[in-house]
Amino acid sequence: MNTPKVYREMVDNAIIALRERDGSSRQAIKRYIFANYPSNQNISKINSAIKEGVSSGHYIQRMGPSGRIKLARGENFMTRLIKM
């Protein structure tokens, strides 16, 4: 299932804005997206964007599906942080 890049960007923005050292929980990410993007409140697309991001290596999730989510360090890591 391919989710639009828009949802992945919203999750990226949420993780960067929340600035939690150990990563952000799904609940905190959803809360941030609902507060800042009121027109995009599709929970299943947010969940699938997180799931696809973890499987592609875009995010790191250490403790399984209920674990906290962090941005993976890579070639675009600093550019994503600088954009904010």
C-alpha atoms as a PDB file:
ATOM      1  CA  MET A   1       0.000   0.000   0.000  1.00  0.00           C
ATOM      2  CA  ASN A   2       1.476   3.308  -1.051  1.00  0.00           C
ATOM      3  CA  THR A   3       0.632   6.293   1.125  1.00  0.00           C
ATOM      4  CA  PRO A   4       1.199   9.773  -0.263  1.00  0.00           C
ATOM      5  CA  LYS A   5       4.460  11.502   0.593  1.00  0.00           C
ATOM      6  CA  VAL A   6       2.386  14.181   2.298  1.00  0.00           C
ATOM      7  CA  TYR A   7       1.717  11.899   5.260  1.00  0.00           C
ATOM      8  CA  ARG A   8       5.373  10.936   5.571  1.00  0.00           C
ATOM      9  CA  GLU A   9       6.311  14.625   5.559  1.00  0.00           C
ATOM     10  CA  MET A  10       3.727  15.311   8.261  1.00  0.00           C
ATOM     11  CA  VAL A  11       5.201  12.505  10.402  1.00  0.00           C
ATOM     12  CA  ASP A  12       8.714  13.904   9.757  1.00  0.00           C
ATOM     13  CA  ASN A  13       7.600  17.368  10.836  1.00  0.00           C
ATOM     14  CA  ALA A  14       5.942  15.959  13.959  1.00  0.00           C
ATOM     15  CA  ILE A  15       9.060  14.019  15.011  1.00  0.00           C
ATOM     16  CA  ILE A  16      11.305  17.027  14.416  1.00  0.00           C
ATOM     17  CA  ALA A  17       8.976  19.457  16.208  1.00  0.00           C
ATOM     18  CA  LEU A  18       8.451  17.205  19.232  1.00  0.00           C
ATOM     19  CA  ARG A  19      12.231  16.925  19.748  1.00  0.00           C
ATOM     20  CA  GLU A  20      12.173  13.907  21.998  1.00  0.00           C
ATOM     21  CA  ARG A  21      15.537  12.274  22.527  1.00  0.00           C
ATOM     22  CA  ASP A  22      14.290   8.687  22.571  1.00  0.00           C
ATOM     23  CA  GLY A  23      11.852   9.251  19.714  1.00  0.00           C
ATOM     24  CA  SER A  24       8.177  10.124  19.627  1.00  0.00           C
ATOM     25  CA  SER A  25       5.246   7.850  20.370  1.00  0.00           C
ATOM     26  CA  ARG A  26       2.529   7.227  17.785  1.00  0.00           C
ATOM     27  CA  GLN A  27       0.046   8.967  20.034  1.00  0.00           C
ATOM     28  CA  ALA A  28       2.187  12.115  20.280  1.00  0.00           C
ATOM     29  CA  ILE A  29       2.755  12.140  16.514  1.00  0.00           C
ATOM     30  CA  LYS A  30      -0.979  11.824  15.829  1.00  0.00           C
ATOM     31  CA  ARG A  31      -1.780  14.521  18.385  1.00  0.00           C
ATOM     32  CA  TYR A  32       0.691  16.880  16.671  1.00  0.00           C
ATOM     33  CA  ILE A  33      -0.693  16.131  13.193  1.00  0.00           C
ATOM     34  CA  PHE A  34      -4.303  16.631  14.315  1.00  0.00           C
ATOM     35  CA  ALA A  35      -3.413  19.963  15.936  1.00  0.00           C
ATOM     36  CA  ASN A  36      -1.373  21.341  13.024  1.00  0.00           C
ATOM     37  CA  TYR A  37      -3.051  19.740   9.998  1.00  0.00           C
ATOM     38  CA  PRO A  38      -6.789  19.714  10.803  1.00  0.00           C
ATOM     39  CA  SER A  39      -7.825  18.693   7.276  1.00  0.00           C
ATOM     40  CA  ASN A  40      -5.699  15.494   7.355  1.00  0.00           C
ATOM     41  CA  GLN A  41      -7.161  13.374  10.124  1.00  0.00           C
ATOM     42  CA  ASN A  42      -6.977   9.956   8.522  1.00  0.00           C
ATOM     43  CA  ILE A  43      -5.494   7.699  11.215  1.00  0.00           C
ATOM     44  CA  SER A  44      -5.011   4.689   8.951  1.00  0.00           C
ATOM     45  CA  LYS A  45      -2.925   6.678   6.450  1.00  0.00           C
ATOM     46  CA  ILE A  46      -0.759   8.055   9.257  1.00  0.00           C
ATOM     47  CA  ASN A  47      -0.245   4.529  10.602  1.00  0.00           C
ATOM     48  CA  SER A  48       0.639   3.173   7.173  1.00  0.00           C
ATOM     49  CA  ALA A  49       3.058   6.072   6.541  1.00  0.00           C
ATOM     50  CA  ILE A  50       4.843   5.183   9.787  1.00  0.00           C
ATOM     51  CA  LYS A  51       4.827   1.464   8.940  1.00  0.00           C
ATOM     52  CA  GLU A  52       6.213   2.040   5.432  1.00  0.00           C
ATOM     53  CA  GLY A  53       8.808   4.461   6.770  1.00  0.00           C
ATOM     54  CA  VAL A  54      10.044   1.886   9.276  1.00  0.00           C
ATOM     55  CA  SER A  55      10.204  -0.888   6.671  1.00  0.00           C
ATOM     56  CA  SER A  56      12.085   1.336   4.191  1.00  0.00           C
ATOM     57  CA  GLY A  57      14.576   2.520   6.819  1.00  0.00           C
ATOM     58  CA  HIS A  58      13.348   6.113   6.889  1.00  0.00           C
ATOM     59  CA  TYR A  59      12.413   5.751  10.580  1.00  0.00           C
ATOM     60  CA  ILE A  60      13.854   3.716  13.419  1.00  0.00           C
ATOM     61  CA  GLN A  61      11.512   1.869  15.766  1.00  0.00           C
ATOM     62  CA  ARG A  62      13.358  -0.122  18.399  1.00  0.00           C
ATOM     63  CA  MET A  63      10.724  -1.832  20.540  1.00  0.00           C
ATOM     64  CA  GLY A  64       8.487  -3.326  17.862  1.00  0.00           C
ATOM     65  CA  PRO A  65       5.185  -1.843  16.721  1.00  0.00           C
ATOM     66  CA  SER A  66       4.525  -0.072  20.024  1.00  0.00           C
ATOM     67  CA  GLY A  67       7.995   1.487  20.253  1.00  0.00           C
ATOM     68  CA  ARG A  68       8.980   5.099  19.853  1.00  0.00           C
ATOM     69  CA  ILE A  69       9.770   6.385  16.377  1.00  0.00           C
ATOM     70  CA  LYS A  70      12.891   8.339  15.417  1.00  0.00           C
ATOM     71  CA  LEU A  71      14.232   9.660  12.142  1.00  0.00           C
ATOM     72  CA  ALA A  72      16.965   7.429  10.766  1.00  0.00           C
ATOM     73  CA  ARG A  73      20.306   9.083  10.303  1.00  0.00           C
ATOM     74  CA  GLY A  74      21.285   9.116   6.674  1.00  0.00           C
ATOM     75  CA  GLU A  75      22.207  11.326   3.796  1.00  0.00           C
ATOM     76  CA  ASN A  76      19.078  13.505   4.112  1.00  0.00           C
ATOM     77  CA  PHE A  77      18.936  13.624   7.918  1.00  0.00           C
ATOM     78  CA  MET A  78      20.544  17.057   8.347  1.00  0.00           C
ATOM     79  CA  THR A  79      18.672  18.609   5.436  1.00  0.00           C
ATOM     80  CA  ARG A  80      15.388  17.492   7.009  1.00  0.00           C
ATOM     81  CA  LEU A  81      16.397  19.152  10.279  1.00  0.00           C
ATOM     82  CA  ILE A  82      17.572  22.353   8.601  1.00  0.00           C
ATOM     83  CA  LYS A  83      14.244  22.757   6.748  1.00  0.00           C
ATOM     84  CA  MET A  84      12.440  23.204  10.070  1.00  0.00           C
END
